Amino acid sequence: MLPPQVNDLIDTLRAHEDDPAFADAPVLDVYGRISINPETGETEKFDRQIEDTLREVLLLRARLGEVLRDDGKSAWKAGAKRPGWERSLVRPLVLHTPAPSMLPGRRALATRIAPGPE
C-alpha cells in the first residue's frame, strides 16, 4: 500500500492520459527499491524514491507508464532478485531516484535501458 501523497501523484499523472495537452508527451516509468544511505547507515524505503521520481515526471510534463518497485530488495544485497528492475530492462524509459549518496539534490535519473515495447 502506498502513502496517500504518492497515490495522489499517481492519480494526477494518470489524468494526463485523457488530457489532449499531453497527447505527445513522453511516457515514463518509475522505479524504486530499498536503499542504504552510506552516510547514516539507515534504510530509505522505496516510497520516498517513488514519490521523488513521480514529482520529476510531473516537472517533465510527461505521462506515467508503469510504477515498478522491489519491496524488501536492495542493490547492496548480492544475488537478490529484483523483478521490478528486471521489468524495467524491457521498458523504453525508466526514471529512478539514485541512492542518497549518489546524487546531490536527489534529482531522478532517466535511464534509457533498451528500446522495448510500450
C-alpha atoms as a PDB file:
ATOM      1  CA  MET A   1       0.000   0.000   0.000  1.00  0.00           C
ATOM      2  CA  LEU A   2       1.328   3.399  -0.981  1.00  0.00           C
ATOM      3  CA  PRO A   3       1.098   6.541   1.161  1.00  0.00           C
ATOM      4  CA  PRO A   4      -1.762   8.915   0.269  1.00  0.00           C
ATOM      5  CA  GLN A   5       0.562  11.578  -1.185  1.00  0.00           C
ATOM      6  CA  VAL A   6       2.060   9.015  -3.565  1.00  0.00           C
ATOM      7  CA  ASN A   7      -1.388   7.826  -4.662  1.00  0.00           C
ATOM      8  CA  ASP A   8      -2.384  11.467  -5.228  1.00  0.00           C
ATOM      9  CA  LEU A   9       0.623  11.983  -7.513  1.00  0.00           C
ATOM     10  CA  ILE A  10      -0.213   8.810  -9.432  1.00  0.00           C
ATOM     11  CA  ASP A  11      -3.835   9.962  -9.851  1.00  0.00           C
ATOM     12  CA  THR A  12      -2.673  13.377 -11.099  1.00  0.00           C
ATOM     13  CA  LEU A  13      -0.341  11.767 -13.617  1.00  0.00           C
ATOM     14  CA  ARG A  14      -2.948   9.231 -14.746  1.00  0.00           C
ATOM     15  CA  ALA A  15      -5.282  12.164 -15.527  1.00  0.00           C
ATOM     16  CA  HIS A  16      -2.750  13.245 -18.172  1.00  0.00           C
ATOM     17  CA  GLU A  17      -3.730  10.188 -20.216  1.00  0.00           C
ATOM     18  CA  ASP A  18      -7.074  11.807 -21.077  1.00  0.00           C
ATOM     19  CA  ASP A  19      -5.725  15.344 -21.463  1.00  0.00           C
ATOM     20  CA  PRO A  20      -5.139  16.347 -25.128  1.00  0.00           C
ATOM     21  CA  ALA A  21      -2.346  18.672 -23.976  1.00  0.00           C
ATOM     22  CA  PHE A  22      -0.325  15.561 -23.092  1.00  0.00           C
ATOM     23  CA  ALA A  23      -1.062  13.595 -26.272  1.00  0.00           C
ATOM     24  CA  ASP A  24       2.548  13.878 -27.475  1.00  0.00           C
ATOM     25  CA  ALA A  25       4.155  13.795 -24.033  1.00  0.00           C
ATOM     26  CA  PRO A  26       6.673  11.035 -23.340  1.00  0.00           C
ATOM     27  CA  VAL A  27       5.566   8.049 -21.289  1.00  0.00           C
ATOM     28  CA  LEU A  28       7.923   7.452 -18.375  1.00  0.00           C
ATOM     29  CA  ASP A  29       8.058   4.508 -15.991  1.00  0.00           C
ATOM     30  CA  VAL A  30       9.314   4.981 -12.455  1.00  0.00           C
ATOM     31  CA  TYR A  31      11.328   2.548 -10.331  1.00  0.00           C
ATOM     32  CA  GLY A  32      12.098   2.393  -6.620  1.00  0.00           C
ATOM     33  CA  ARG A  33      13.727  -0.024  -4.205  1.00  0.00           C
ATOM     34  CA  ILE A  34      15.071  -0.030  -0.684  1.00  0.00           C
ATOM     35  CA  SER A  35      18.447   1.696  -0.438  1.00  0.00           C
ATOM     36  CA  ILE A  36      21.022   2.119   2.296  1.00  0.00           C
ATOM     37  CA  ASN A  37      22.257   5.630   2.958  1.00  0.00           C
ATOM     38  CA  PRO A  38      26.018   5.104   3.406  1.00  0.00           C
ATOM     39  CA  GLU A  39      26.333   8.304   5.428  1.00  0.00           C
ATOM     40  CA  THR A  40      23.780   7.283   8.063  1.00  0.00           C
ATOM     41  CA  GLY A  41      23.501   3.524   7.570  1.00  0.00           C
ATOM     42  CA  GLU A  42      19.715   3.926   7.572  1.00  0.00           C
ATOM     43  CA  THR A  43      17.439   2.362   5.013  1.00  0.00           C
ATOM     44  CA  GLU A  44      15.454   4.524   2.670  1.00  0.00           C
ATOM     45  CA  LYS A  45      12.218   2.908   1.656  1.00  0.00           C
ATOM     46  CA  PHE A  46      11.078   2.859  -1.920  1.00  0.00           C
ATOM     47  CA  ASP A  47       8.012   5.048  -1.140  1.00  0.00           C
ATOM     48  CA  ARG A  48      10.258   8.100  -0.859  1.00  0.00           C
ATOM     49  CA  GLN A  49      12.079   7.240  -4.077  1.00  0.00           C
ATOM     50  CA  ILE A  50       8.803   6.685  -5.916  1.00  0.00           C
ATOM     51  CA  GLU A  51       7.402   9.983  -4.610  1.00  0.00           C
ATOM     52  CA  ASP A  52      10.533  11.911  -5.636  1.00  0.00           C
ATOM     53  CA  THR A  53      10.510  10.317  -9.063  1.00  0.00           C
ATOM     54  CA  LEU A  54       6.790  10.910  -9.631  1.00  0.00           C
ATOM     55  CA  ARG A  55       7.405  14.595  -8.905  1.00  0.00           C
ATOM     56  CA  GLU A  56      10.075  14.545 -11.619  1.00  0.00           C
ATOM     57  CA  VAL A  57       7.564  13.073 -14.077  1.00  0.00           C
ATOM     58  CA  LEU A  58       5.250  15.997 -13.245  1.00  0.00           C
ATOM     59  CA  LEU A  59       8.061  18.519 -13.751  1.00  0.00           C
ATOM     60  CA  LEU A  60       8.906  16.931 -17.094  1.00  0.00           C
ATOM     61  CA  ARG A  61       5.251  17.229 -18.174  1.00  0.00           C
ATOM     62  CA  ALA A  62       5.227  13.539 -19.072  1.00  0.00           C
ATOM     63  CA  ARG A  63       2.672  10.760 -18.790  1.00  0.00           C
ATOM     64  CA  LEU A  64       3.111   7.937 -16.321  1.00  0.00           C
ATOM     65  CA  GLY A  65       3.822   4.457 -17.594  1.00  0.00           C
ATOM     66  CA  GLU A  66       4.423   1.715 -15.052  1.00  0.00           C
ATOM     67  CA  VAL A  67       5.308   2.138 -11.385  1.00  0.00           C
ATOM     68  CA  LEU A  68       7.952  -0.520 -10.787  1.00  0.00           C
ATOM     69  CA  ARG A  69       9.264  -1.400  -7.348  1.00  0.00           C
ATOM     70  CA  ASP A  70      11.106  -4.003  -5.417  1.00  0.00           C
ATOM     71  CA  ASP A  71       9.964  -4.152  -1.796  1.00  0.00           C
ATOM     72  CA  GLY A  72      12.473  -5.685   0.559  1.00  0.00           C
ATOM     73  CA  LYS A  73      15.138  -5.893  -2.117  1.00  0.00           C
ATOM     74  CA  SER A  74      18.314  -3.903  -2.259  1.00  0.00           C
ATOM     75  CA  ALA A  75      21.121  -3.377  -4.716  1.00  0.00           C
ATOM     76  CA  TRP A  76      23.696  -3.910  -1.972  1.00  0.00           C
ATOM     77  CA  LYS A  77      22.453  -7.452  -1.326  1.00  0.00           C
ATOM     78  CA  ALA A  78      24.364  -9.792  -3.614  1.00  0.00           C
ATOM     79  CA  GLY A  79      22.191 -12.198  -5.538  1.00  0.00           C
ATOM     80  CA  ALA A  80      18.903 -10.502  -4.647  1.00  0.00           C
ATOM     81  CA  LYS A  81      16.177 -11.000  -7.259  1.00  0.00           C
ATOM     82  CA  ARG A  82      14.602  -7.724  -8.290  1.00  0.00           C
ATOM     83  CA  PRO A  83      11.558  -8.379 -10.509  1.00  0.00           C
ATOM     84  CA  GLY A  84      10.759  -4.656 -10.818  1.00  0.00           C
ATOM     85  CA  TRP A  85      14.260  -3.925 -12.067  1.00  0.00           C
ATOM     86  CA  GLU A  86      14.103  -6.893 -14.444  1.00  0.00           C
ATOM     87  CA  ARG A  87      10.836  -5.493 -15.845  1.00  0.00           C
ATOM     88  CA  SER A  88      12.475  -2.092 -16.278  1.00  0.00           C
ATOM     89  CA  LEU A  89      15.062  -3.653 -18.573  1.00  0.00           C
ATOM     90  CA  VAL A  90      12.435  -4.223 -21.263  1.00  0.00           C
ATOM     91  CA  ARG A  91      10.732  -0.860 -20.887  1.00  0.00           C
ATOM     92  CA  PRO A  92      11.673   2.073 -23.148  1.00  0.00           C
ATOM     93  CA  LEU A  93      12.416   4.728 -20.492  1.00  0.00           C
ATOM     94  CA  VAL A  94      12.597   4.402 -16.725  1.00  0.00           C
ATOM     95  CA  LEU A  95      13.122   7.121 -14.116  1.00  0.00           C
ATOM     96  CA  HIS A  96      14.733   6.186 -10.852  1.00  0.00           C
ATOM     97  CA  THR A  97      15.956   8.163  -7.885  1.00  0.00           C
ATOM     98  CA  PRO A  98      19.526   7.247  -7.016  1.00  0.00           C
ATOM     99  CA  ALA A  99      20.707   6.362  -3.539  1.00  0.00           C
ATOM    100  CA  PRO A 100      21.152   9.460  -1.351  1.00  0.00           C
ATOM    101  CA  SER A 101      24.932   9.487  -1.687  1.00  0.00           C
ATOM    102  CA  MET A 102      24.925   9.181  -5.471  1.00  0.00           C
ATOM    103  CA  LEU A 103      23.381  12.447  -6.499  1.00  0.00           C
ATOM    104  CA  PRO A 104      23.125  15.719  -4.560  1.00  0.00           C
ATOM    105  CA  GLY A 105      19.652  17.213  -4.702  1.00  0.00           C
ATOM    106  CA  ARG A 106      18.046  13.798  -5.284  1.00  0.00           C
ATOM    107  CA  ARG A 107      17.026  14.525  -8.878  1.00  0.00           C
ATOM    108  CA  ALA A 108      15.680  11.498 -10.707  1.00  0.00           C
ATOM    109  CA  LEU A 109      17.749   9.985 -13.463  1.00  0.00           C
ATOM    110  CA  ALA A 110      16.257   8.964 -16.781  1.00  0.00           C
ATOM    111  CA  THR A 111      17.763   5.744 -17.989  1.00  0.00           C
ATOM    112  CA  ARG A 112      17.154   4.527 -21.499  1.00  0.00           C
ATOM    113  CA  ILE A 113      17.718   0.870 -20.854  1.00  0.00           C
ATOM    114  CA  ALA A 114      16.721  -0.650 -24.168  1.00  0.00           C
ATOM    115  CA  PRO A 115      14.267   0.052 -26.962  1.00  0.00           C
ATOM    116  CA  GLY A 116      11.437  -2.025 -25.505  1.00  0.00           C
ATOM    117  CA  PRO A 117       7.695  -2.225 -26.098  1.00  0.00           C
ATOM    118  CA  GLU A 118       5.390   0.433 -24.727  1.00  0.00           C
END
